């Protein structure tokens, strides 16, 4: 009887181990690709690094689904793209904000919260860099404010607050 109990427990533990291992998604780190990116950055080749980061971003998007472990790689790629594009693109600040806005709209939790926090930081940096112009503006009503270059300091403060609060809304 004791042998039967031991056999039953062994089989049960074995099955649970196999079930939990097969139910987990594989996490890809893209280590070789990131080493390539770092090599280009160290050599002062932001355009080449950006090309590699875009490849990683595409791979991560393809390999994962919303809410998957690949979200970390997608977020890392977005952060790198934003930084690398500063050197290659005019008016990067506002364009990068629009790109991250699109990512936030498509992302699921917890990636959406992280992206909201990142976006709030980008808005804050925009505010800090343009503060001297913003405080001279008057508030307007019934005005379509899609372009952040037309926003007032109050508009930016509201958006930054909304994003930061949205990033901590889901307690899980």
Protein backbone atom coordinates (compact mmCIF):
# COMPACT_ATOMS: atom_id res chain seq x y z
CA UNK A 1 0.00 0.00 0.00
CA UNK A 2 2.84 2.37 0.87
CA UNK A 3 4.48 1.73 -2.51
CA UNK A 4 1.21 2.51 -4.28
CA UNK A 5 0.92 5.83 -2.43
CA UNK A 6 4.50 6.72 -3.32
CA UNK A 7 3.95 5.80 -6.96
CA UNK A 8 0.75 7.85 -7.07
CA UNK A 9 2.44 10.92 -5.55
CA UNK A 10 5.40 10.59 -7.91
CA UNK A 11 3.16 10.39 -10.97
CA UNK A 12 1.06 13.33 -9.75
CA UNK A 13 4.11 15.53 -9.13
CA UNK A 14 5.56 14.54 -12.50
CA UNK A 15 2.31 15.45 -14.29
CA UNK A 16 2.07 18.79 -12.49
CA UNK A 17 5.65 19.61 -13.41
CA UNK A 18 5.06 18.80 -17.09
CA UNK A 19 1.77 20.73 -17.17
CA UNK A 20 3.27 23.87 -15.63
CA UNK A 21 6.32 23.74 -17.90
CA UNK A 22 4.25 23.36 -21.04
CA UNK A 23 1.81 26.12 -20.09
CA UNK A 24 4.49 28.80 -19.75
CA UNK A 25 5.39 30.91 -22.76
CA UNK A 26 9.00 31.02 -23.72
CA UNK A 27 10.76 34.27 -23.09
CA UNK A 28 13.17 35.37 -25.75
CA UNK A 29 15.84 37.85 -24.75
CA UNK A 30 17.29 38.51 -28.20
CA UNK A 31 20.72 38.72 -26.54
CA UNK A 32 22.68 38.43 -29.79
CA UNK A 33 20.59 41.15 -31.41
CA UNK A 34 20.97 43.49 -28.41
CA UNK A 35 24.75 42.96 -28.42
CA UNK A 36 24.75 44.09 -32.05
CA UNK A 37 22.81 47.21 -31.08
CA UNK A 38 25.21 48.00 -28.24
CA UNK A 39 28.14 47.55 -30.61
CA UNK A 40 26.68 50.10 -33.04
CA UNK A 41 25.94 52.53 -30.21
CA UNK A 42 29.51 52.26 -28.89
CA UNK A 43 30.84 52.92 -32.39
CA UNK A 44 28.64 56.03 -32.69
CA UNK A 45 26.38 54.57 -35.39
CA UNK A 46 22.86 55.44 -34.25
CA UNK A 47 21.24 54.82 -37.64
CA UNK A 48 22.61 51.26 -37.81
CA UNK A 49 21.62 50.67 -34.19
CA UNK A 50 18.13 51.95 -34.93
CA UNK A 51 17.79 49.52 -37.84
CA UNK A 52 18.70 46.62 -35.55
CA UNK A 53 16.32 47.81 -32.81
CA UNK A 54 13.48 47.97 -35.33
CA UNK A 55 14.24 44.35 -36.28
CA UNK A 56 14.09 43.32 -32.61
CA UNK A 57 10.82 45.23 -32.22
CA UNK A 58 9.32 43.41 -35.21
CA UNK A 59 10.52 40.03 -33.93
CA UNK A 60 9.10 40.67 -30.47
CA UNK A 61 5.77 41.79 -31.94
CA UNK A 62 5.66 38.67 -34.12
CA UNK A 63 6.76 36.26 -31.35
CA UNK A 64 4.39 37.53 -28.69
CA UNK A 65 0.78 38.38 -28.23
CA UNK A 66 -0.67 41.13 -26.08
CA UNK A 67 0.16 40.45 -22.44
CA UNK A 68 2.93 38.02 -23.35
CA UNK A 69 6.46 37.87 -21.96
CA UNK A 70 7.69 39.56 -25.15
CA UNK A 71 6.15 42.83 -23.93
CA UNK A 72 9.39 43.55 -22.06
CA UNK A 73 11.36 43.33 -25.29
CA UNK A 74 8.83 45.51 -27.09
CA UNK A 75 9.07 48.19 -24.39
CA UNK A 76 12.87 48.01 -24.38
CA UNK A 77 12.90 48.39 -28.17
CA UNK A 78 10.55 51.40 -27.97
CA UNK A 79 12.79 53.10 -25.42
CA UNK A 80 15.85 52.50 -27.59
CA UNK A 81 14.05 53.67 -30.74
CA UNK A 82 12.97 56.89 -29.06
CA UNK A 83 16.50 57.65 -27.92
CA UNK A 84 18.22 56.67 -31.18
CA UNK A 85 15.80 58.63 -33.33
CA UNK A 86 16.74 61.85 -31.54
CA UNK A 87 19.92 61.94 -33.54
CA UNK A 88 18.31 61.07 -36.87
CA UNK A 89 14.94 62.79 -36.88
CA UNK A 90 13.84 66.38 -36.74
CA UNK A 91 11.05 67.18 -34.25
CA UNK A 92 11.62 63.81 -32.59
CA UNK A 93 10.02 64.77 -29.30
CA UNK A 94 6.49 65.23 -30.63
CA UNK A 95 6.76 62.41 -33.16
CA UNK A 96 7.98 59.96 -30.51
CA UNK A 97 5.10 60.98 -28.24
CA UNK A 98 2.60 60.20 -31.02
CA UNK A 99 4.23 56.81 -31.63
CA UNK A 100 4.09 55.85 -27.96
CA UNK A 101 0.46 57.04 -27.78
CA UNK A 102 -0.38 54.47 -30.48
CA UNK A 103 1.46 51.75 -28.55
CA UNK A 104 -0.42 52.60 -25.34
CA UNK A 105 -3.74 52.32 -27.15
CA UNK A 106 -2.86 48.83 -28.43
CA UNK A 107 -1.14 47.48 -25.29
CA UNK A 108 -2.66 45.26 -22.63
CA UNK A 109 -1.77 45.29 -18.94
CA UNK A 110 0.85 45.38 -17.47
CA UNK A 111 2.63 46.75 -20.55
CA UNK A 112 0.03 49.50 -20.93
CA UNK A 113 0.80 50.85 -17.43
CA UNK A 114 4.53 50.88 -18.12
CA UNK A 115 4.00 52.65 -21.43
CA UNK A 116 1.70 55.22 -19.78
CA UNK A 117 4.42 56.02 -17.28
CA UNK A 118 6.98 56.28 -20.09
CA UNK A 119 4.64 58.55 -22.04
CA UNK A 120 4.00 60.76 -19.01
CA UNK A 121 7.77 61.14 -18.64
CA UNK A 122 8.04 62.12 -22.32
CA UNK A 123 5.32 64.76 -21.88
CA UNK A 124 7.09 66.02 -18.76
CA UNK A 125 10.37 66.34 -20.67
CA UNK A 126 8.56 68.18 -23.46
CA UNK A 127 7.10 70.53 -20.88
CA UNK A 128 10.51 71.13 -19.28
CA UNK A 129 12.15 71.81 -22.65
CA UNK A 130 9.43 74.25 -23.77
CA UNK A 131 8.33 75.76 -20.48
CA UNK A 132 9.50 79.27 -21.34
CA UNK A 133 7.09 79.34 -24.32
CA UNK A 134 4.20 77.61 -22.59
CA UNK A 135 3.80 80.05 -19.71
CA UNK A 136 3.21 82.91 -22.15
CA UNK A 137 0.25 81.18 -23.82
CA UNK A 138 -3.34 81.88 -22.98
CA UNK A 139 -5.92 79.15 -22.55
CA UNK A 140 -8.26 78.63 -25.47
CA UNK A 141 -11.68 77.06 -25.54
CA UNK A 142 -13.34 74.97 -28.27
CA UNK A 143 -9.99 74.41 -29.96
CA UNK A 144 -8.84 71.11 -31.44
CA UNK A 145 -5.60 70.38 -29.60
CA UNK A 146 -4.21 67.37 -31.46
CA UNK A 147 -0.81 68.99 -31.91
CA UNK A 148 0.96 69.32 -28.56
CA UNK A 149 2.84 72.32 -29.89
CA UNK A 150 -0.43 74.24 -29.45
CA UNK A 151 -1.04 73.09 -25.86
CA UNK A 152 -0.77 75.32 -22.83
CA UNK A 153 1.03 74.50 -19.61
CA UNK A 154 -2.33 73.54 -18.07
CA UNK A 155 -3.05 71.13 -20.93
CA UNK A 156 0.29 69.41 -20.44
CA UNK A 157 -0.12 69.22 -16.66
CA UNK A 158 -3.55 67.60 -17.09
CA UNK A 159 -2.20 65.05 -19.58
CA UNK A 160 0.85 64.21 -17.47
CA UNK A 161 -1.31 63.74 -14.36
CA UNK A 162 -3.82 61.61 -16.28
CA UNK A 163 -1.07 59.34 -17.61
CA UNK A 164 0.74 58.91 -14.29
CA UNK A 165 -2.52 58.13 -12.49
CA UNK A 166 -3.47 55.74 -15.30
CA UNK A 167 -0.15 53.96 -14.93
CA UNK A 168 -0.83 53.09 -11.28
CA UNK A 169 -4.57 52.52 -11.60
CA UNK A 170 -4.35 48.74 -11.98
CA UNK A 171 -3.01 47.59 -8.60
CA UNK A 172 -2.14 44.12 -9.82
